[in-house]
């Protein structure tokens, strides 16, 4: 019986532990971050739990400084000035078409600094012309999307008609409709038509088309000679 107990104890030895040399190797290996050895009782095998945090590194590398670009082109100040001015003042300083379509001044900018200088000058100089271009693109977008045009006209006309009632009920024959019922009916009809007309695609097309036309014209139109010399002198 004593021999059997000795034999049983020899088969139930504790699992081996990692030596100091192996621990130093695992901790100093740069290709195995956060590696922790795990020893199994049957076979001497080592598994490593590797964790990588590459999402943060990747996003930090491809992040685009949008605020730097907008600050260089003074977009915030220009939009603030556009909203503060009235419609009459906005369209009062329209530049003539001969100046706006002066093909002799069209040229490719040499570098980004020259393009930035042209855009800053032309956005202020042709601001009214660019507003007209934006309005024309809006009209074209509505004409090419009749469902959206009908929905806008329907909503505007419906709200104007309900507002003319001054809170009174609408009587049609023996039927009476309150103001809340009229607004509910207006929304029930307008919302499905608006979703069917794809307004988000129209808005995205309008932003892309207006940005391409306006920024493209502003970057290709060279400044007048006197303005160019004054800029170099400064």
Protein backbone atom coordinates (compact mmCIF):
# COMPACT_ATOMS: atom_id res chain seq x y z
CA UNK A 1 0.00 0.00 0.00
CA UNK A 2 2.89 2.40 0.73
CA UNK A 3 4.28 1.77 -2.78
CA UNK A 4 0.87 2.60 -4.33
CA UNK A 5 0.67 5.87 -2.34
CA UNK A 6 4.15 6.90 -3.48
CA UNK A 7 3.21 6.09 -7.09
CA UNK A 8 -0.03 8.07 -6.83
CA UNK A 9 1.80 11.09 -5.42
CA UNK A 10 4.31 10.98 -8.26
CA UNK A 11 1.45 11.17 -10.84
CA UNK A 12 -0.21 14.18 -9.15
CA UNK A 13 2.61 16.68 -9.18
CA UNK A 14 1.82 20.37 -9.27
CA UNK A 15 2.02 22.02 -12.72
CA UNK A 16 5.30 23.65 -13.58
CA UNK A 17 5.57 27.40 -13.21
CA UNK A 18 7.30 29.88 -15.48
CA UNK A 19 10.97 30.40 -14.69
CA UNK A 20 12.53 33.81 -14.22
CA UNK A 21 14.27 33.57 -17.61
CA UNK A 22 10.99 32.90 -19.42
CA UNK A 23 9.27 35.72 -17.52
CA UNK A 24 11.98 38.20 -18.48
CA UNK A 25 11.74 37.07 -22.12
CA UNK A 26 7.98 37.54 -22.24
CA UNK A 27 8.07 40.94 -20.56
CA UNK A 28 10.88 42.30 -22.76
CA UNK A 29 9.51 41.00 -26.08
CA UNK A 30 8.03 44.01 -27.95
CA UNK A 31 6.00 41.76 -30.27
CA UNK A 32 4.00 40.24 -27.42
CA UNK A 33 2.21 43.13 -25.63
CA UNK A 34 0.28 42.20 -22.48
CA UNK A 35 1.40 38.56 -22.78
CA UNK A 36 0.54 36.39 -19.81
CA UNK A 37 1.67 32.72 -19.78
CA UNK A 38 -0.87 30.06 -18.84
CA UNK A 39 0.43 26.59 -17.94
CA UNK A 40 -1.68 23.46 -18.37
CA UNK A 41 -1.31 20.36 -16.21
CA UNK A 42 -1.20 17.70 -18.92
CA UNK A 43 1.22 19.18 -21.44
CA UNK A 44 3.73 21.95 -21.00
CA UNK A 45 2.20 24.42 -23.42
CA UNK A 46 2.06 28.20 -23.13
CA UNK A 47 -0.78 30.34 -24.47
CA UNK A 48 -0.69 34.10 -24.70
CA UNK A 49 -3.54 36.54 -24.31
CA UNK A 50 -2.72 39.30 -26.76
CA UNK A 51 -4.67 42.54 -26.79
CA UNK A 52 -4.18 45.22 -29.37
CA UNK A 53 -5.72 48.70 -29.37
CA UNK A 54 -5.34 49.68 -33.00
CA UNK A 55 -8.66 51.52 -33.41
CA UNK A 56 -7.48 54.59 -31.51
CA UNK A 57 -4.15 54.68 -33.35
CA UNK A 58 -5.79 54.28 -36.76
CA UNK A 59 -8.42 56.96 -36.14
CA UNK A 60 -5.77 59.37 -34.87
CA UNK A 61 -3.73 58.89 -38.02
CA UNK A 62 -6.60 59.47 -40.50
CA UNK A 63 -8.33 62.30 -38.63
CA UNK A 64 -8.72 65.38 -40.85
CA UNK A 65 -8.39 68.85 -39.28
CA UNK A 66 -11.64 70.27 -40.61
CA UNK A 67 -11.50 73.20 -38.20
CA UNK A 68 -8.13 74.24 -39.64
CA UNK A 69 -9.52 74.33 -43.19
CA UNK A 70 -12.63 76.28 -42.22
CA UNK A 71 -10.59 78.75 -40.16
CA UNK A 72 -8.23 79.35 -43.07
CA UNK A 73 -11.15 80.16 -45.41
CA UNK A 74 -13.03 82.18 -42.73
CA UNK A 75 -16.21 80.18 -43.32
CA UNK A 76 -17.79 80.96 -39.96
CA UNK A 77 -17.38 84.72 -40.31
CA UNK A 78 -18.68 84.67 -43.88
CA UNK A 79 -21.83 82.72 -42.98
CA UNK A 80 -22.42 85.08 -40.05
CA UNK A 81 -22.18 88.10 -42.33
CA UNK A 82 -24.47 86.45 -44.85
CA UNK A 83 -27.17 85.82 -42.22
CA UNK A 84 -26.90 89.30 -40.68
CA UNK A 85 -27.39 91.16 -43.97
CA UNK A 86 -30.82 91.70 -45.46
CA UNK A 87 -31.88 90.33 -48.82
CA UNK A 88 -31.91 93.77 -50.42
CA UNK A 89 -28.39 94.54 -49.24
CA UNK A 90 -27.21 91.08 -50.21
CA UNK A 91 -28.24 91.47 -53.85
CA UNK A 92 -27.46 95.19 -54.13
CA UNK A 93 -23.77 94.72 -54.97
CA UNK A 94 -24.12 92.27 -57.82
CA UNK A 95 -21.06 92.24 -60.04
CA UNK A 96 -21.63 92.48 -63.80
CA UNK A 97 -21.60 89.28 -65.80
CA UNK A 98 -18.62 90.48 -67.81
CA UNK A 99 -16.59 90.57 -64.61
CA UNK A 100 -18.04 87.37 -63.17
CA UNK A 101 -17.37 85.44 -66.39
CA UNK A 102 -14.04 87.07 -67.25
CA UNK A 103 -12.37 84.07 -68.88
CA UNK A 104 -9.10 85.97 -69.29
CA UNK A 105 -8.60 85.83 -65.54
CA UNK A 106 -9.23 82.10 -65.29
CA UNK A 107 -6.06 80.21 -64.43
CA UNK A 108 -4.91 77.31 -62.33
CA UNK A 109 -3.46 78.33 -58.94
CA UNK A 110 0.19 77.52 -58.46
CA UNK A 111 -0.15 76.23 -54.88
CA UNK A 112 -2.55 76.00 -51.98
CA UNK A 113 -1.60 79.41 -50.60
CA UNK A 114 -2.54 81.10 -53.88
CA UNK A 115 -5.82 79.16 -54.03
CA UNK A 116 -6.61 80.21 -50.46
CA UNK A 117 -5.91 83.84 -51.30
CA UNK A 118 -8.18 83.68 -54.35
CA UNK A 119 -11.02 82.02 -52.47
CA UNK A 120 -10.85 84.56 -49.63
CA UNK A 121 -10.98 87.46 -52.07
CA UNK A 122 -13.62 86.11 -54.46
CA UNK A 123 -16.01 84.94 -51.75
CA UNK A 124 -16.24 88.52 -50.52
CA UNK A 125 -16.09 90.17 -53.94
CA UNK A 126 -18.68 87.94 -55.66
CA UNK A 127 -20.81 87.14 -52.61
CA UNK A 128 -24.03 88.37 -54.24
CA UNK A 129 -23.29 86.50 -57.45
CA UNK A 130 -22.66 83.30 -55.53
CA UNK A 131 -25.96 83.81 -53.69
CA UNK A 132 -27.73 84.02 -57.07
CA UNK A 133 -25.97 80.84 -58.20
CA UNK A 134 -27.13 79.06 -55.05
CA UNK A 135 -30.73 80.20 -55.59
CA UNK A 136 -30.64 79.01 -59.20
CA UNK A 137 -29.35 75.62 -58.11
CA UNK A 138 -32.17 75.41 -55.54
CA UNK A 139 -34.76 76.17 -58.23
CA UNK A 140 -33.22 73.56 -60.53
CA UNK A 141 -33.25 70.97 -57.74
CA UNK A 142 -36.95 71.61 -57.05
CA UNK A 143 -37.89 71.54 -60.73
CA UNK A 144 -36.16 68.19 -61.20
CA UNK A 145 -37.96 66.79 -58.14
CA UNK A 146 -41.69 67.51 -58.69
CA UNK A 147 -42.82 65.50 -55.67
CA UNK A 148 -40.69 67.60 -53.34
CA UNK A 149 -41.90 70.79 -55.01
CA UNK A 150 -45.52 69.70 -54.61
CA UNK A 151 -44.95 68.80 -50.97
CA UNK A 152 -43.39 72.19 -50.18
CA UNK A 153 -46.20 74.07 -51.94
CA UNK A 154 -48.81 71.90 -50.21
CA UNK A 155 -47.36 72.51 -46.73
CA UNK A 156 -46.94 76.27 -47.26
CA UNK A 157 -50.44 76.67 -48.70
CA UNK A 158 -51.99 74.49 -45.99
CA UNK A 159 -50.36 76.37 -43.14
CA UNK A 160 -51.31 79.69 -44.71
CA UNK A 161 -54.93 78.57 -45.06
CA UNK A 162 -55.09 77.27 -41.46
CA UNK A 163 -53.55 80.51 -40.21
CA UNK A 164 -56.22 82.53 -42.04
CA UNK A 165 -58.90 80.79 -39.96
CA UNK A 166 -57.61 82.54 -36.81
CA UNK A 167 -58.37 79.53 -34.62
CA UNK A 168 -61.92 79.05 -35.91
CA UNK A 169 -63.25 75.67 -36.97
CA UNK A 170 -63.62 74.82 -40.64
CA UNK A 171 -67.16 73.93 -41.64
CA UNK A 172 -67.73 71.94 -44.84
CA UNK A 173 -71.41 71.09 -45.14
CA UNK A 174 -72.37 69.24 -41.97
CA UNK A 175 -68.78 68.45 -41.02
CA UNK A 176 -66.71 70.56 -38.63
CA UNK A 177 -62.92 70.38 -38.39
CA UNK A 178 -60.89 71.96 -35.62
CA UNK A 179 -57.47 73.55 -36.07
CA UNK A 180 -55.68 70.57 -34.52
CA UNK A 181 -57.52 68.20 -36.87
CA UNK A 182 -56.49 70.31 -39.87
CA UNK A 183 -52.85 70.32 -38.81
CA UNK A 184 -52.98 66.56 -38.24
CA UNK A 185 -54.44 65.99 -41.69
CA UNK A 186 -51.78 68.26 -43.19
CA UNK A 187 -48.97 66.30 -41.54
CA UNK A 188 -50.50 62.93 -42.44
CA UNK A 189 -50.45 63.88 -46.12
CA UNK A 190 -47.19 65.87 -46.21
CA UNK A 191 -44.85 63.53 -44.31
CA UNK A 192 -45.27 60.44 -46.56
CA UNK A 193 -44.94 62.58 -49.69
CA UNK A 194 -41.83 64.21 -48.25
CA UNK A 195 -40.23 60.85 -47.46
CA UNK A 196 -41.12 59.54 -50.91
CA UNK A 197 -39.52 62.55 -52.63
CA UNK A 198 -36.06 61.82 -51.11
CA UNK A 199 -35.33 65.28 -49.67
CA UNK A 200 -32.01 64.21 -48.13
CA UNK A 201 -30.57 63.23 -51.51
CA UNK A 202 -31.71 66.55 -52.95
CA UNK A 203 -30.06 68.47 -50.11
CA UNK A 204 -26.82 66.51 -50.47
CA UNK A 205 -26.80 67.14 -54.22
CA UNK A 206 -27.44 70.84 -53.63
CA UNK A 207 -24.57 71.11 -51.14
CA UNK A 208 -22.17 69.26 -53.44
CA UNK A 209 -23.16 71.13 -56.58
CA UNK A 210 -23.08 74.59 -54.98
CA UNK A 211 -19.76 73.87 -53.26
CA UNK A 212 -18.21 72.60 -56.48
CA UNK A 213 -19.41 75.56 -58.55
CA UNK A 214 -18.71 78.31 -56.02
CA UNK A 215 -15.38 77.05 -54.65
CA UNK A 216 -14.28 76.03 -58.15
CA UNK A 217 -15.02 79.47 -59.57
CA UNK A 218 -13.44 81.24 -56.60
CA UNK A 219 -10.24 79.21 -56.84
CA UNK A 220 -9.87 79.54 -60.63
CA UNK A 221 -10.71 83.25 -60.91
CA UNK A 222 -7.54 85.24 -60.42
CA UNK A 223 -7.58 88.49 -58.50
CA UNK A 224 -7.28 91.81 -60.36
CA UNK A 225 -3.82 93.17 -60.97
CA UNK A 226 -4.15 96.00 -58.47
CA UNK A 227 -5.38 93.63 -55.77
CA UNK A 228 -2.56 91.18 -56.51
CA UNK A 229 0.08 93.91 -56.21
CA UNK A 230 -1.47 95.28 -53.01
CA UNK A 231 -1.48 91.79 -51.50
CA UNK A 232 2.19 91.29 -52.36
CA UNK A 233 3.06 94.69 -50.88
CA UNK A 234 1.39 93.77 -47.60
